[in-house]
Amino acid sequence: MSESATSGGVGGMTVDSAFAGMRSVAPVVFRAGCPDCRGCFELAAGALRLAIGATSRTTFYSFTCPECGASVRKPAGERIVELLTGGGVRTLRLHSTV
């Protein structure tokens, strides 16, 4: 580690002082429900997939129900897309083959 990172730093700032106010961040979870078993649960971002198509009909998110194992696919409007992408859900952009 360079001396500037541990002692004087830039403008007198040290690594310790730069990170002093940081706290650990809780992982993002999303509430979801299964239309098959009617279960309600929370899913981590890694359990969801988002597909963004050319229209609202081809934009959806999907997951596997942790209670019954069903594959669930639900439409995703603009707000849902914003929340899922902001929460770290993996996104697939679908391209038209026209």
C-alpha atoms as a PDB file:
ATOM      1  CA  MET A   1       0.000   0.000   0.000  1.00  0.00           C
ATOM      2  CA  SER A   2       1.371   3.444  -0.812  1.00  0.00           C
ATOM      3  CA  GLU A   3       2.234   5.816   1.988  1.00  0.00           C
ATOM      4  CA  SER A   4      -0.347   8.362   0.780  1.00  0.00           C
ATOM      5  CA  ALA A   5      -3.115   5.794   1.214  1.00  0.00           C
ATOM      6  CA  THR A   6      -2.251   5.097   4.818  1.00  0.00           C
ATOM      7  CA  SER A   7      -0.928   8.362   6.153  1.00  0.00           C
ATOM      8  CA  GLY A   8      -1.310  11.779   4.560  1.00  0.00           C
ATOM      9  CA  GLY A   9      -3.506  10.777   1.640  1.00  0.00           C
ATOM     10  CA  VAL A  10      -5.028  13.268  -0.740  1.00  0.00           C
ATOM     11  CA  GLY A  11      -5.756  16.565   0.975  1.00  0.00           C
ATOM     12  CA  GLY A  12      -4.931  14.975   4.329  1.00  0.00           C
ATOM     13  CA  MET A  13      -7.585  12.254   3.936  1.00  0.00           C
ATOM     14  CA  THR A  14      -6.655   8.732   4.998  1.00  0.00           C
ATOM     15  CA  VAL A  15      -8.206   5.451   3.956  1.00  0.00           C
ATOM     16  CA  ASP A  16      -9.695   5.106   7.429  1.00  0.00           C
ATOM     17  CA  SER A  17     -11.305   8.551   7.342  1.00  0.00           C
ATOM     18  CA  ALA A  18     -12.581   8.048   3.774  1.00  0.00           C
ATOM     19  CA  PHE A  19     -14.474   4.896   4.770  1.00  0.00           C
ATOM     20  CA  ALA A  20     -15.366   5.905   8.343  1.00  0.00           C
ATOM     21  CA  GLY A  21     -19.030   6.660   7.607  1.00  0.00           C
ATOM     22  CA  MET A  22     -19.716   3.554   5.524  1.00  0.00           C
ATOM     23  CA  ARG A  23     -21.956   0.854   6.877  1.00  0.00           C
ATOM     24  CA  SER A  24     -22.660  -2.599   5.595  1.00  0.00           C
ATOM     25  CA  VAL A  25     -25.448  -2.732   3.042  1.00  0.00           C
ATOM     26  CA  ALA A  26     -28.266  -5.244   3.436  1.00  0.00           C
ATOM     27  CA  PRO A  27     -28.853  -7.396   0.352  1.00  0.00           C
ATOM     28  CA  VAL A  28     -31.845  -6.425  -1.775  1.00  0.00           C
ATOM     29  CA  VAL A  29     -34.819  -8.773  -1.592  1.00  0.00           C
ATOM     30  CA  PHE A  30     -37.996  -8.733  -3.631  1.00  0.00           C
ATOM     31  CA  ARG A  31     -41.434  -9.858  -2.491  1.00  0.00           C
ATOM     32  CA  ALA A  32     -43.091 -12.235  -4.913  1.00  0.00           C
ATOM     33  CA  GLY A  33     -46.010 -14.599  -5.098  1.00  0.00           C
ATOM     34  CA  CYS A  34     -46.704 -17.829  -6.901  1.00  0.00           C
ATOM     35  CA  PRO A  35     -49.955 -18.106  -8.881  1.00  0.00           C
ATOM     36  CA  ASP A  36     -49.841 -21.926  -8.622  1.00  0.00           C
ATOM     37  CA  CYS A  37     -49.489 -22.529  -4.877  1.00  0.00           C
ATOM     38  CA  ARG A  38     -50.416 -18.990  -3.748  1.00  0.00           C
ATOM     39  CA  GLY A  39     -47.234 -18.834  -1.670  1.00  0.00           C
ATOM     40  CA  CYS A  40     -45.760 -15.429  -0.763  1.00  0.00           C
ATOM     41  CA  PHE A  41     -42.029 -15.122  -0.182  1.00  0.00           C
ATOM     42  CA  GLU A  42     -38.940 -12.964  -0.576  1.00  0.00           C
ATOM     43  CA  LEU A  43     -36.366 -13.619  -3.284  1.00  0.00           C
ATOM     44  CA  ALA A  44     -32.805 -12.378  -3.640  1.00  0.00           C
ATOM     45  CA  ALA A  45     -31.841 -10.642  -6.882  1.00  0.00           C
ATOM     46  CA  GLY A  46     -30.010 -13.783  -8.014  1.00  0.00           C
ATOM     47  CA  ALA A  47     -33.251 -15.797  -7.960  1.00  0.00           C
ATOM     48  CA  LEU A  48     -34.944 -13.551 -10.528  1.00  0.00           C
ATOM     49  CA  ARG A  49     -34.406 -12.982 -14.251  1.00  0.00           C
ATOM     50  CA  LEU A  50     -35.643  -9.988 -16.224  1.00  0.00           C
ATOM     51  CA  ALA A  51     -36.236 -10.065 -19.981  1.00  0.00           C
ATOM     52  CA  ILE A  52     -36.716  -6.726 -21.714  1.00  0.00           C
ATOM     53  CA  GLY A  53     -38.404  -6.954 -25.077  1.00  0.00           C
ATOM     54  CA  ALA A  54     -39.455  -4.442 -27.704  1.00  0.00           C
ATOM     55  CA  THR A  55     -42.959  -4.118 -26.230  1.00  0.00           C
ATOM     56  CA  SER A  56     -44.679  -4.425 -22.881  1.00  0.00           C
ATOM     57  CA  ARG A  57     -45.940  -7.854 -23.991  1.00  0.00           C
ATOM     58  CA  THR A  58     -42.390  -9.144 -24.356  1.00  0.00           C
ATOM     59  CA  THR A  59     -41.011  -7.612 -21.129  1.00  0.00           C
ATOM     60  CA  PHE A  60     -41.293  -9.917 -18.127  1.00  0.00           C
ATOM     61  CA  TYR A  61     -39.531 -11.305 -15.087  1.00  0.00           C
ATOM     62  CA  SER A  62     -39.323 -14.919 -14.070  1.00  0.00           C
ATOM     63  CA  PHE A  63     -38.352 -17.090 -11.135  1.00  0.00           C
ATOM     64  CA  THR A  64     -38.824 -20.577  -9.739  1.00  0.00           C
ATOM     65  CA  CYS A  65     -41.214 -20.782  -6.808  1.00  0.00           C
ATOM     66  CA  PRO A  66     -39.214 -21.860  -3.752  1.00  0.00           C
ATOM     67  CA  GLU A  67     -42.308 -23.535  -2.264  1.00  0.00           C
ATOM     68  CA  CYS A  68     -43.720 -25.627  -5.112  1.00  0.00           C
ATOM     69  CA  GLY A  69     -40.979 -25.462  -7.770  1.00  0.00           C
ATOM     70  CA  ALA A  70     -43.222 -23.965 -10.470  1.00  0.00           C
ATOM     71  CA  SER A  71     -41.678 -21.761 -13.152  1.00  0.00           C
ATOM     72  CA  VAL A  72     -43.318 -18.358 -12.815  1.00  0.00           C
ATOM     73  CA  ARG A  73     -43.358 -15.650 -15.476  1.00  0.00           C
ATOM     74  CA  LYS A  74     -44.962 -12.258 -14.836  1.00  0.00           C
ATOM     75  CA  PRO A  75     -45.241  -9.076 -16.916  1.00  0.00           C
ATOM     76  CA  ALA A  76     -42.888  -6.235 -15.978  1.00  0.00           C
ATOM     77  CA  GLY A  77     -43.988  -2.656 -16.494  1.00  0.00           C
ATOM     78  CA  GLU A  78     -41.623   0.309 -16.419  1.00  0.00           C
ATOM     79  CA  ARG A  79     -41.609   0.616 -12.611  1.00  0.00           C
ATOM     80  CA  ILE A  80     -40.923  -3.105 -12.107  1.00  0.00           C
ATOM     81  CA  VAL A  81     -38.076  -2.955 -14.645  1.00  0.00           C
ATOM     82  CA  GLU A  82     -36.613   0.034 -12.797  1.00  0.00           C
ATOM     83  CA  LEU A  83     -36.805  -1.708  -9.409  1.00  0.00           C
ATOM     84  CA  LEU A  84     -35.390  -5.011 -10.638  1.00  0.00           C
ATOM     85  CA  THR A  85     -32.487  -3.498 -12.581  1.00  0.00           C
ATOM     86  CA  GLY A  86     -31.691  -1.151  -9.688  1.00  0.00           C
ATOM     87  CA  GLY A  87     -31.702  -4.122  -7.332  1.00  0.00           C
ATOM     88  CA  GLY A  88     -29.162  -6.099  -9.344  1.00  0.00           C
ATOM     89  CA  VAL A  89     -31.416  -8.594 -11.126  1.00  0.00           C
ATOM     90  CA  ARG A  90     -29.743 -10.104 -14.199  1.00  0.00           C
ATOM     91  CA  THR A  91     -31.258  -8.681 -17.358  1.00  0.00           C
ATOM     92  CA  LEU A  92     -31.599 -10.123 -20.834  1.00  0.00           C
ATOM     93  CA  ARG A  93     -32.458  -7.765 -23.702  1.00  0.00           C
ATOM     94  CA  LEU A  94     -34.538  -9.460 -26.367  1.00  0.00           C
ATOM     95  CA  HIS A  95     -33.992  -8.341 -29.956  1.00  0.00           C
ATOM     96  CA  SER A  96     -36.519  -8.356 -32.730  1.00  0.00           C
ATOM     97  CA  THR A  97     -35.882 -10.747 -35.639  1.00  0.00           C
ATOM     98  CA  VAL A  98     -37.875  -8.690 -38.128  1.00  0.00           C
END
